[in-house]
PDB file of N, CA and C in Angstrom:
ATOM      1  N   MET A   1      11.333  15.971 -25.713  1.00  0.00           N
ATOM      2  CA  MET A   1      10.959  14.673 -26.136  1.00  0.00           C
ATOM      3  C   MET A   1      11.394  13.765 -24.927  1.00  0.00           C
ATOM      4  N   MET A   2      10.522  12.891 -24.331  1.00  0.00           N
ATOM      5  CA  MET A   2      10.847  11.913 -23.308  1.00  0.00           C
ATOM      6  C   MET A   2      11.725  10.950 -23.669  1.00  0.00           C
ATOM      7  N   THR A   3      12.818  10.569 -23.320  1.00  0.00           N
ATOM      8  CA  THR A   3      13.760   9.384 -23.481  1.00  0.00           C
ATOM      9  C   THR A   3      13.219   8.130 -22.834  1.00  0.00           C
ATOM     10  N   GLU A   4      13.809   7.068 -23.317  1.00  0.00           N
ATOM     11  CA  GLU A   4      13.509   5.833 -22.902  1.00  0.00           C
ATOM     12  C   GLU A   4      13.884   5.566 -21.417  1.00  0.00           C
ATOM     13  N   GLY A   5      14.978   6.170 -21.018  1.00  0.00           N
ATOM     14  CA  GLY A   5      15.620   6.019 -19.667  1.00  0.00           C
ATOM     15  C   GLY A   5      14.775   6.993 -18.618  1.00  0.00           C
ATOM     16  N   LEU A   6      14.324   8.077 -19.172  1.00  0.00           N
ATOM     17  CA  LEU A   6      13.377   8.925 -18.387  1.00  0.00           C
ATOM     18  C   LEU A   6      12.270   8.278 -18.037  1.00  0.00           C
ATOM     19  N   PHE A   7      11.550   7.695 -19.162  1.00  0.00           N
ATOM     20  CA  PHE A   7      10.234   7.046 -19.070  1.00  0.00           C
ATOM     21  C   PHE A   7      10.609   5.678 -17.909  1.00  0.00           C
ATOM     22  N   PHE A   8      11.453   4.881 -18.107  1.00  0.00           N
ATOM     23  CA  PHE A   8      11.505   3.719 -17.172  1.00  0.00           C
ATOM     24  C   PHE A   8      11.987   4.166 -15.765  1.00  0.00           C
ATOM     25  N   ASP A   9      12.634   5.462 -15.715  1.00  0.00           N
ATOM     26  CA  ASP A   9      12.845   5.894 -14.245  1.00  0.00           C
ATOM     27  C   ASP A   9      11.517   6.434 -13.674  1.00  0.00           C
ATOM     28  N   THR A  10      10.606   7.025 -14.416  1.00  0.00           N
ATOM     29  CA  THR A  10       9.464   7.477 -13.939  1.00  0.00           C
ATOM     30  C   THR A  10       8.640   6.331 -13.558  1.00  0.00           C
ATOM     31  N   VAL A  11       8.525   5.134 -14.512  1.00  0.00           N
ATOM     32  CA  VAL A  11       7.680   4.142 -14.102  1.00  0.00           C
ATOM     33  C   VAL A  11       8.415   3.309 -12.819  1.00  0.00           C
ATOM     34  N   ARG A  12       9.836   3.207 -12.678  1.00  0.00           N
ATOM     35  CA  ARG A  12      10.241   2.545 -11.454  1.00  0.00           C
ATOM     36  C   ARG A  12       9.874   3.490 -10.323  1.00  0.00           C
ATOM     37  N   GLN A  13      10.030   4.704 -10.443  1.00  0.00           N
ATOM     38  CA  GLN A  13       9.678   5.552  -9.224  1.00  0.00           C
ATOM     39  C   GLN A  13       8.197   5.289  -8.728  1.00  0.00           C
ATOM     40  N   GLY A  14       7.358   5.389  -9.810  1.00  0.00           N
ATOM     41  CA  GLY A  14       5.955   5.019  -9.603  1.00  0.00           C
ATOM     42  C   GLY A  14       5.634   3.728  -8.954  1.00  0.00           C
ATOM     43  N   LEU A  15       6.182   2.776  -9.394  1.00  0.00           N
ATOM     44  CA  LEU A  15       6.044   1.577  -8.601  1.00  0.00           C
ATOM     45  C   LEU A  15       6.648   1.301  -7.295  1.00  0.00           C
ATOM     46  N   TRP A  16       7.765   2.205  -7.061  1.00  0.00           N
ATOM     47  CA  TRP A  16       8.266   2.336  -5.659  1.00  0.00           C
ATOM     48  C   TRP A  16       7.304   2.938  -4.749  1.00  0.00           C
ATOM     49  N   ILE A  17       6.702   3.937  -5.139  1.00  0.00           N
ATOM     50  CA  ILE A  17       5.536   4.830  -4.384  1.00  0.00           C
ATOM     51  C   ILE A  17       4.521   3.701  -4.161  1.00  0.00           C
ATOM     52  N   ALA A  18       4.207   3.083  -5.130  1.00  0.00           N
ATOM     53  CA  ALA A  18       3.107   2.072  -4.882  1.00  0.00           C
ATOM     54  C   ALA A  18       3.415   1.074  -3.769  1.00  0.00           C
ATOM     55  N   VAL A  19       4.601   0.537  -3.733  1.00  0.00           N
ATOM     56  CA  VAL A  19       5.081  -0.316  -2.867  1.00  0.00           C
ATOM     57  C   VAL A  19       5.144   0.188  -1.398  1.00  0.00           C
ATOM     58  N   ILE A  20       5.660   1.443  -1.296  1.00  0.00           N
ATOM     59  CA  ILE A  20       5.733   2.183  -0.021  1.00  0.00           C
ATOM     60  C   ILE A  20       4.241   2.561   0.464  1.00  0.00           C
ATOM     61  N   THR A  21       3.469   3.022  -0.383  1.00  0.00           N
ATOM     62  CA  THR A  21       2.178   3.225   0.196  1.00  0.00           C
ATOM     63  C   THR A  21       1.180   2.147   0.597  1.00  0.00           C
ATOM     64  N   SER A  22       1.631   1.002  -0.040  1.00  0.00           N
ATOM     65  CA  SER A  22       0.603  -0.192   0.089  1.00  0.00           C
ATOM     66  C   SER A  22       1.272  -1.207   1.277  1.00  0.00           C
ATOM     67  N   PHE A  23       2.427  -0.818   1.704  1.00  0.00           N
ATOM     68  CA  PHE A  23       3.292  -1.679   2.585  1.00  0.00           C
ATOM     69  C   PHE A  23       2.501  -1.640   4.049  1.00  0.00           C
ATOM     70  N   PRO A  24       2.058  -0.583   4.602  1.00  0.00           N
ATOM     71  CA  PRO A  24       1.552  -0.795   6.075  1.00  0.00           C
ATOM     72  C   PRO A  24       0.264  -1.544   5.920  1.00  0.00           C
ATOM     73  N   ILE A  25      -0.616  -1.559   4.972  1.00  0.00           N
ATOM     74  CA  ILE A  25      -1.863  -2.302   5.008  1.00  0.00           C
ATOM     75  C   ILE A  25      -1.465  -3.597   4.664  1.00  0.00           C
ATOM     76  N   LEU A  26      -0.689  -4.026   3.806  1.00  0.00           N
ATOM     77  CA  LEU A  26      -0.244  -5.474   3.523  1.00  0.00           C
ATOM     78  C   LEU A  26       0.383  -6.213   4.682  1.00  0.00           C
ATOM     79  N   ALA A  27       1.232  -5.345   5.362  1.00  0.00           N
ATOM     80  CA  ALA A  27       1.862  -6.034   6.590  1.00  0.00           C
ATOM     81  C   ALA A  27       1.029  -6.320   7.625  1.00  0.00           C
ATOM     82  N   VAL A  28       0.037  -5.382   7.888  1.00  0.00           N
ATOM     83  CA  VAL A  28      -1.066  -5.690   9.031  1.00  0.00           C
ATOM     84  C   VAL A  28      -1.834  -6.680   8.570  1.00  0.00           C
ATOM     85  N   ALA A  29      -2.262  -6.702   7.433  1.00  0.00           N
ATOM     86  CA  ALA A  29      -3.218  -7.813   6.835  1.00  0.00           C
ATOM     87  C   ALA A  29      -2.294  -9.290   7.091  1.00  0.00           C
ATOM     88  N   LEU A  30      -1.147  -9.274   6.627  1.00  0.00           N
ATOM     89  CA  LEU A  30      -0.171 -10.457   7.040  1.00  0.00           C
ATOM     90  C   LEU A  30      -0.161 -10.913   8.330  1.00  0.00           C
ATOM     91  N   VAL A  31       0.196  -9.970   9.202  1.00  0.00           N
ATOM     92  CA  VAL A  31       0.308 -10.137  10.642  1.00  0.00           C
ATOM     93  C   VAL A  31      -0.863 -10.648  11.233  1.00  0.00           C
ATOM     94  N   THR A  32      -2.095  -9.990  11.008  1.00  0.00           N
ATOM     95  CA  THR A  32      -3.380 -10.321  11.479  1.00  0.00           C
ATOM     96  C   THR A  32      -3.713 -11.655  10.862  1.00  0.00           C
ATOM     97  N   GLY A  33      -3.609 -12.051   9.696  1.00  0.00           N
ATOM     98  CA  GLY A  33      -3.983 -13.386   9.175  1.00  0.00           C
ATOM     99  C   GLY A  33      -3.164 -14.271   9.688  1.00  0.00           C
ATOM    100  N   VAL A  34      -1.941 -14.359  10.193  1.00  0.00           N
ATOM    101  CA  VAL A  34      -1.074 -15.157  10.709  1.00  0.00           C
ATOM    102  C   VAL A  34      -1.602 -15.398  12.247  1.00  0.00           C
ATOM    103  N   ALA A  35      -1.853 -14.472  12.926  1.00  0.00           N
ATOM    104  CA  ALA A  35      -2.279 -14.363  14.215  1.00  0.00           C
ATOM    105  C   ALA A  35      -3.639 -15.280  14.253  1.00  0.00           C
ATOM    106  N   VAL A  36      -4.614 -14.920  13.502  1.00  0.00           N
ATOM    107  CA  VAL A  36      -5.878 -15.462  13.505  1.00  0.00           C
ATOM    108  C   VAL A  36      -5.763 -16.948  13.055  1.00  0.00           C
ATOM    109  N   GLY A  37      -4.869 -17.312  12.085  1.00  0.00           N
ATOM    110  CA  GLY A  37      -4.592 -18.624  11.728  1.00  0.00           C
ATOM    111  C   GLY A  37      -4.004 -19.504  12.965  1.00  0.00           C
ATOM    112  N   LEU A  38      -3.117 -18.767  13.594  1.00  0.00           N
ATOM    113  CA  LEU A  38      -2.610 -19.537  14.730  1.00  0.00           C
ATOM    114  C   LEU A  38      -3.661 -19.653  15.776  1.00  0.00           C
ATOM    115  N   PHE A  39      -4.479 -18.775  15.995  1.00  0.00           N
ATOM    116  CA  PHE A  39      -5.629 -18.970  17.020  1.00  0.00           C
ATOM    117  C   PHE A  39      -6.426 -20.092  16.520  1.00  0.00           C
ATOM    118  N   GLN A  40      -6.913 -20.022  15.276  1.00  0.00           N
ATOM    119  CA  GLN A  40      -7.670 -21.083  14.693  1.00  0.00           C
ATOM    120  C   GLN A  40      -7.006 -22.425  14.956  1.00  0.00           C
ATOM    121  N   ALA A  41      -5.629 -22.642  14.546  1.00  0.00           N
ATOM    122  CA  ALA A  41      -5.070 -23.955  14.782  1.00  0.00           C
ATOM    123  C   ALA A  41      -4.974 -24.459  16.021  1.00  0.00           C
ATOM    124  N   LEU A  42      -4.927 -23.369  17.074  1.00  0.00           N
ATOM    125  CA  LEU A  42      -4.690 -23.887  18.546  1.00  0.00           C
ATOM    126  C   LEU A  42      -6.064 -24.105  19.118  1.00  0.00           C
ATOM    127  N   THR A  43      -7.255 -23.659  18.547  1.00  0.00           N
ATOM    128  CA  THR A  43      -8.552 -23.739  19.245  1.00  0.00           C
ATOM    129  C   THR A  43      -9.326 -24.736  18.213  1.00  0.00           C
ATOM    130  N   SER A  44      -8.906 -24.965  17.205  1.00  0.00           N
ATOM    131  CA  SER A  44      -9.517 -25.818  16.247  1.00  0.00           C
ATOM    132  C   SER A  44     -11.033 -25.359  15.837  1.00  0.00           C
ATOM    133  N   ILE A  45     -11.046 -23.897  15.947  1.00  0.00           N
ATOM    134  CA  ILE A  45     -12.273 -23.241  15.401  1.00  0.00           C
ATOM    135  C   ILE A  45     -12.176 -23.091  14.011  1.00  0.00           C
ATOM    136  N   GLN A  46     -12.883 -23.415  13.154  1.00  0.00           N
ATOM    137  CA  GLN A  46     -12.747 -23.157  11.717  1.00  0.00           C
ATOM    138  C   GLN A  46     -13.993 -22.427  11.149  1.00  0.00           C
ATOM    139  N   GLU A  47     -14.008 -21.098  11.635  1.00  0.00           N
ATOM    140  CA  GLU A  47     -15.105 -20.133  11.209  1.00  0.00           C
ATOM    141  C   GLU A  47     -14.618 -19.330   9.981  1.00  0.00           C
ATOM    142  N   MET A  48     -15.309 -19.139   8.995  1.00  0.00           N
ATOM    143  CA  MET A  48     -14.981 -18.234   7.804  1.00  0.00           C
ATOM    144  C   MET A  48     -14.870 -16.648   8.245  1.00  0.00           C
ATOM    145  N   THR A  49     -15.831 -16.333   9.131  1.00  0.00           N
ATOM    146  CA  THR A  49     -15.969 -14.791   9.430  1.00  0.00           C
ATOM    147  C   THR A  49     -14.792 -14.479  10.518  1.00  0.00           C
ATOM    148  N   LEU A  50     -14.290 -15.583  11.199  1.00  0.00           N
ATOM    149  CA  LEU A  50     -13.146 -15.185  11.996  1.00  0.00           C
ATOM    150  C   LEU A  50     -11.937 -14.741  11.403  1.00  0.00           C
ATOM    151  N   THR A  51     -11.773 -15.341  10.044  1.00  0.00           N
ATOM    152  CA  THR A  51     -10.478 -14.764   9.371  1.00  0.00           C
ATOM    153  C   THR A  51     -10.782 -13.453   8.701  1.00  0.00           C
ATOM    154  N   PHE A  52     -11.995 -13.218   8.333  1.00  0.00           N
ATOM    155  CA  PHE A  52     -12.183 -12.071   7.548  1.00  0.00           C
ATOM    156  C   PHE A  52     -12.494 -10.802   8.476  1.00  0.00           C
ATOM    157  N   VAL A  53     -13.263 -10.882   9.502  1.00  0.00           N
ATOM    158  CA  VAL A  53     -13.536  -9.617  10.224  1.00  0.00           C
ATOM    159  C   VAL A  53     -12.340  -8.963  10.922  1.00  0.00           C
ATOM    160  N   PRO A  54     -11.500  -9.837  11.618  1.00  0.00           N
ATOM    161  CA  PRO A  54     -10.275  -9.123  12.198  1.00  0.00           C
ATOM    162  C   PRO A  54      -9.408  -8.541  11.244  1.00  0.00           C
ATOM    163  N   LYS A  55      -9.192  -9.283   9.939  1.00  0.00           N
ATOM    164  CA  LYS A  55      -8.251  -8.602   8.999  1.00  0.00           C
ATOM    165  C   LYS A  55      -8.979  -7.266   8.309  1.00  0.00           C
ATOM    166  N   LEU A  56     -10.049  -7.399   8.185  1.00  0.00           N
ATOM    167  CA  LEU A  56     -10.933  -6.078   7.721  1.00  0.00           C
ATOM    168  C   LEU A  56     -10.728  -5.070   8.736  1.00  0.00           C
ATOM    169  N   ALA A  57     -11.031  -5.290   9.740  1.00  0.00           N
ATOM    170  CA  ALA A  57     -10.878  -4.267  10.951  1.00  0.00           C
ATOM    171  C   ALA A  57      -9.490  -3.780  11.035  1.00  0.00           C
ATOM    172  N   ALA A  58      -8.558  -4.636  11.015  1.00  0.00           N
ATOM    173  CA  ALA A  58      -6.922  -3.971  11.074  1.00  0.00           C
ATOM    174  C   ALA A  58      -6.589  -3.180   9.978  1.00  0.00           C
ATOM    175  N   ILE A  59      -7.125  -3.712   8.774  1.00  0.00           N
ATOM    176  CA  ILE A  59      -6.891  -2.866   7.609  1.00  0.00           C
ATOM    177  C   ILE A  59      -7.574  -1.685   7.523  1.00  0.00           C
ATOM    178  N   VAL A  60      -8.643  -1.445   8.011  1.00  0.00           N
ATOM    179  CA  VAL A  60      -9.444  -0.088   7.973  1.00  0.00           C
ATOM    180  C   VAL A  60      -8.709   0.865   9.091  1.00  0.00           C
ATOM    181  N   VAL A  61      -8.364   0.272  10.178  1.00  0.00           N
ATOM    182  CA  VAL A  61      -7.758   1.000  11.107  1.00  0.00           C
ATOM    183  C   VAL A  61      -6.457   1.557  10.820  1.00  0.00           C
ATOM    184  N   VAL A  62      -5.459   0.688  10.034  1.00  0.00           N
ATOM    185  CA  VAL A  62      -4.193   0.982   9.663  1.00  0.00           C
ATOM    186  C   VAL A  62      -4.520   2.022   8.370  1.00  0.00           C
ATOM    187  N   PHE A  63      -5.294   1.851   7.486  1.00  0.00           N
ATOM    188  CA  PHE A  63      -5.645   2.826   6.486  1.00  0.00           C
ATOM    189  C   PHE A  63      -5.927   4.118   7.016  1.00  0.00           C
ATOM    190  N   TRP A  64      -6.872   4.155   8.071  1.00  0.00           N
ATOM    191  CA  TRP A  64      -7.226   5.280   8.608  1.00  0.00           C
ATOM    192  C   TRP A  64      -6.043   6.286   9.245  1.00  0.00           C
ATOM    193  N   ILE A  65      -5.136   5.342   9.959  1.00  0.00           N
ATOM    194  CA  ILE A  65      -4.033   6.010  10.440  1.00  0.00           C
ATOM    195  C   ILE A  65      -3.141   6.434   9.419  1.00  0.00           C
ATOM    196  N   SER A  66      -2.782   5.631   8.246  1.00  0.00           N
ATOM    197  CA  SER A  66      -1.563   5.941   7.516  1.00  0.00           C
ATOM    198  C   SER A  66      -2.197   6.781   6.293  1.00  0.00           C
ATOM    199  N   MET A  67      -3.492   7.094   6.146  1.00  0.00           N
ATOM    200  CA  MET A  67      -3.958   7.825   4.811  1.00  0.00           C
ATOM    201  C   MET A  67      -3.253   9.120   4.643  1.00  0.00           C
ATOM    202  N   GLY A  68      -2.968   9.958   5.721  1.00  0.00           N
ATOM    203  CA  GLY A  68      -2.013  11.237   5.438  1.00  0.00           C
ATOM    204  C   GLY A  68      -0.851  10.988   4.959  1.00  0.00           C
ATOM    205  N   PHE A  69      -0.119  10.021   5.388  1.00  0.00           N
ATOM    206  CA  PHE A  69       1.144   9.637   4.750  1.00  0.00           C
ATOM    207  C   PHE A  69       1.074   9.384   3.337  1.00  0.00           C
ATOM    208  N   MET A  70      -0.074   8.377   3.142  1.00  0.00           N
ATOM    209  CA  MET A  70      -0.257   7.916   1.695  1.00  0.00           C
ATOM    210  C   MET A  70      -0.600   9.114   0.724  1.00  0.00           C
ATOM    211  N   ALA A  71      -1.578   9.878   1.171  1.00  0.00           N
ATOM    212  CA  ALA A  71      -2.007  11.025   0.330  1.00  0.00           C
ATOM    213  C   ALA A  71      -0.955  11.970   0.173  1.00  0.00           C
ATOM    214  N   GLN A  72       0.018  12.356   1.172  1.00  0.00           N
ATOM    215  CA  GLN A  72       1.135  13.250   0.950  1.00  0.00           C
ATOM    216  C   GLN A  72       2.117  12.486   0.076  1.00  0.00           C
ATOM    217  N   THR A  73       2.340  11.327   0.159  1.00  0.00           N
ATOM    218  CA  THR A  73       3.431  10.760  -0.767  1.00  0.00           C
ATOM    219  C   THR A  73       2.946  10.801  -2.256  1.00  0.00           C
ATOM    220  N   LEU A  74       1.755  10.423  -2.429  1.00  0.00           N
ATOM    221  CA  LEU A  74       1.197  10.522  -3.891  1.00  0.00           C
ATOM    222  C   LEU A  74       1.080  12.015  -4.482  1.00  0.00           C
ATOM    223  N   VAL A  75       0.719  12.954  -3.487  1.00  0.00           N
ATOM    224  CA  VAL A  75       0.621  14.212  -3.961  1.00  0.00           C
ATOM    225  C   VAL A  75       2.331  14.752  -4.178  1.00  0.00           C
ATOM    226  N   ASN A  76       3.143  14.374  -3.476  1.00  0.00           N
ATOM    227  CA  ASN A  76       4.527  14.685  -3.788  1.00  0.00           C
ATOM    228  C   ASN A  76       4.934  14.035  -5.022  1.00  0.00           C
ATOM    229  N   TYR A  77       4.813  12.991  -5.247  1.00  0.00           N
ATOM    230  CA  TYR A  77       5.115  12.279  -6.484  1.00  0.00           C
ATOM    231  C   TYR A  77       4.532  12.947  -7.644  1.00  0.00           C
ATOM    232  N   PHE A  78       3.152  13.298  -7.760  1.00  0.00           N
ATOM    233  CA  PHE A  78       2.646  13.904  -8.877  1.00  0.00           C
ATOM    234  C   PHE A  78       3.019  15.240  -9.021  1.00  0.00           C
ATOM    235  N   THR A  79       3.333  16.098  -7.985  1.00  0.00           N
ATOM    236  CA  THR A  79       3.600  17.529  -7.980  1.00  0.00           C
ATOM    237  C   THR A  79       5.122  17.592  -8.418  1.00  0.00           C
ATOM    238  N   THR A  80       6.039  16.628  -8.091  1.00  0.00           N
ATOM    239  CA  THR A  80       7.505  16.930  -8.319  1.00  0.00           C
ATOM    240  C   THR A  80       7.972  16.001  -9.512  1.00  0.00           C
ATOM    241  N   THR A  81       7.194  15.040 -10.053  1.00  0.00           N
ATOM    242  CA  THR A  81       7.604  14.180 -10.956  1.00  0.00           C
ATOM    243  C   THR A  81       6.534  14.140 -12.312  1.00  0.00           C
ATOM    244  N   LEU A  82       5.294  13.926 -11.934  1.00  0.00           N
ATOM    245  CA  LEU A  82       4.370  13.688 -13.227  1.00  0.00           C
ATOM    246  C   LEU A  82       4.006  14.784 -13.760  1.00  0.00           C
ATOM    247  N   ILE A  83       3.557  15.786 -12.927  1.00  0.00           N
ATOM    248  CA  ILE A  83       3.136  17.043 -13.517  1.00  0.00           C
ATOM    249  C   ILE A  83       4.387  17.784 -14.422  1.00  0.00           C
ATOM    250  N   PRO A  84       5.402  18.102 -13.946  1.00  0.00           N
ATOM    251  CA  PRO A  84       6.584  18.666 -14.763  1.00  0.00           C
ATOM    252  C   PRO A  84       6.715  17.760 -16.067  1.00  0.00           C
ATOM    253  N   LEU A  85       6.570  16.369 -16.015  1.00  0.00           N
ATOM    254  CA  LEU A  85       6.904  15.551 -17.227  1.00  0.00           C
ATOM    255  C   LEU A  85       5.635  15.749 -18.163  1.00  0.00           C
ATOM    256  N   ILE A  86       4.462  16.023 -17.599  1.00  0.00           N
ATOM    257  CA  ILE A  86       3.205  16.388 -18.671  1.00  0.00           C
ATOM    258  C   ILE A  86       3.430  17.814 -19.181  1.00  0.00           C
ATOM    259  N   ALA A  87       3.801  18.802 -18.281  1.00  0.00           N
ATOM    260  CA  ALA A  87       3.876  20.179 -18.783  1.00  0.00           C
ATOM    261  C   ALA A  87       5.163  20.233 -19.806  1.00  0.00           C
ATOM    262  N   GLY A  88       5.973  19.404 -19.753  1.00  0.00           N
ATOM    263  CA  GLY A  88       7.157  19.507 -20.681  1.00  0.00           C
ATOM    264  C   GLY A  88       8.485  19.870 -19.897  1.00  0.00           C
ATOM    265  N   GLY A  89       8.352  20.034 -18.720  1.00  0.00           N
ATOM    266  CA  GLY A  89       9.487  20.567 -18.019  1.00  0.00           C
ATOM    267  C   GLY A  89      10.571  19.604 -17.420  1.00  0.00           C
ATOM    268  N   TYR A  90      10.771  18.540 -18.135  1.00  0.00           N
ATOM    269  CA  TYR A  90      11.670  17.498 -17.694  1.00  0.00           C
ATOM    270  C   TYR A  90      13.072  17.748 -18.032  1.00  0.00           C
TER     271      TYR A  90
END
């Protein structure tokens, strides 16, 4: 039987895995957004696609680079934590 402490520990670990795997993409989106915003403020160019396209390109590049790390982290979490809990080996 799964205890309350084990449940909350599993949820906490899952949320931490979500933070770790999403951090590279979110950090690059933030840095790119600030850089584009600074460029727009300095040049007075207020074009909507200027904010969207560089952010999207940076996110795609970082996702492509870090998807191996993300997949390995998620597979490790599932095989070491969730599958044993589902199978009853906690």
